[in-house]
């Protein structure tokens, strides 16, 4: 069985519950869902665009702590509070991923932690 490695960074908010920012097993890195909290734990106010930018800042920081980048992401799961904001979210998403096209699921949910508008988790191939 592959060894588990917990990935943490002060460049992203600490977990707000009994979980890790990310876990590496073998060549795969699984991030916990990231919400629009700044590294100091304060919530980013504003709409889906502002909140999505902070989510991506958090994901990038965690990936970098694991020696990876958004280009290593193979799967993203997006939880959105209002599917009417899907187009705005897609613009931010495309800004960060560019031509890289990981597999993705997007799900509208009734409520997210701290009543945020978006949460994203990713799986990345970070090598052995």
Foldseek 3Di string as FASTA:
>chain_A
DFDKDAFDDLQAAADPDPDGQWIDGAQKIKGDKFWQAGSVGHHDDDDPLRGLVSSQSRVQRRQVSLVHGLLQWQEKEKEFQDCVCVVVSVVNVCVRQPPRDHHYHYYHDNADPVRGGMIMITMGRRHD
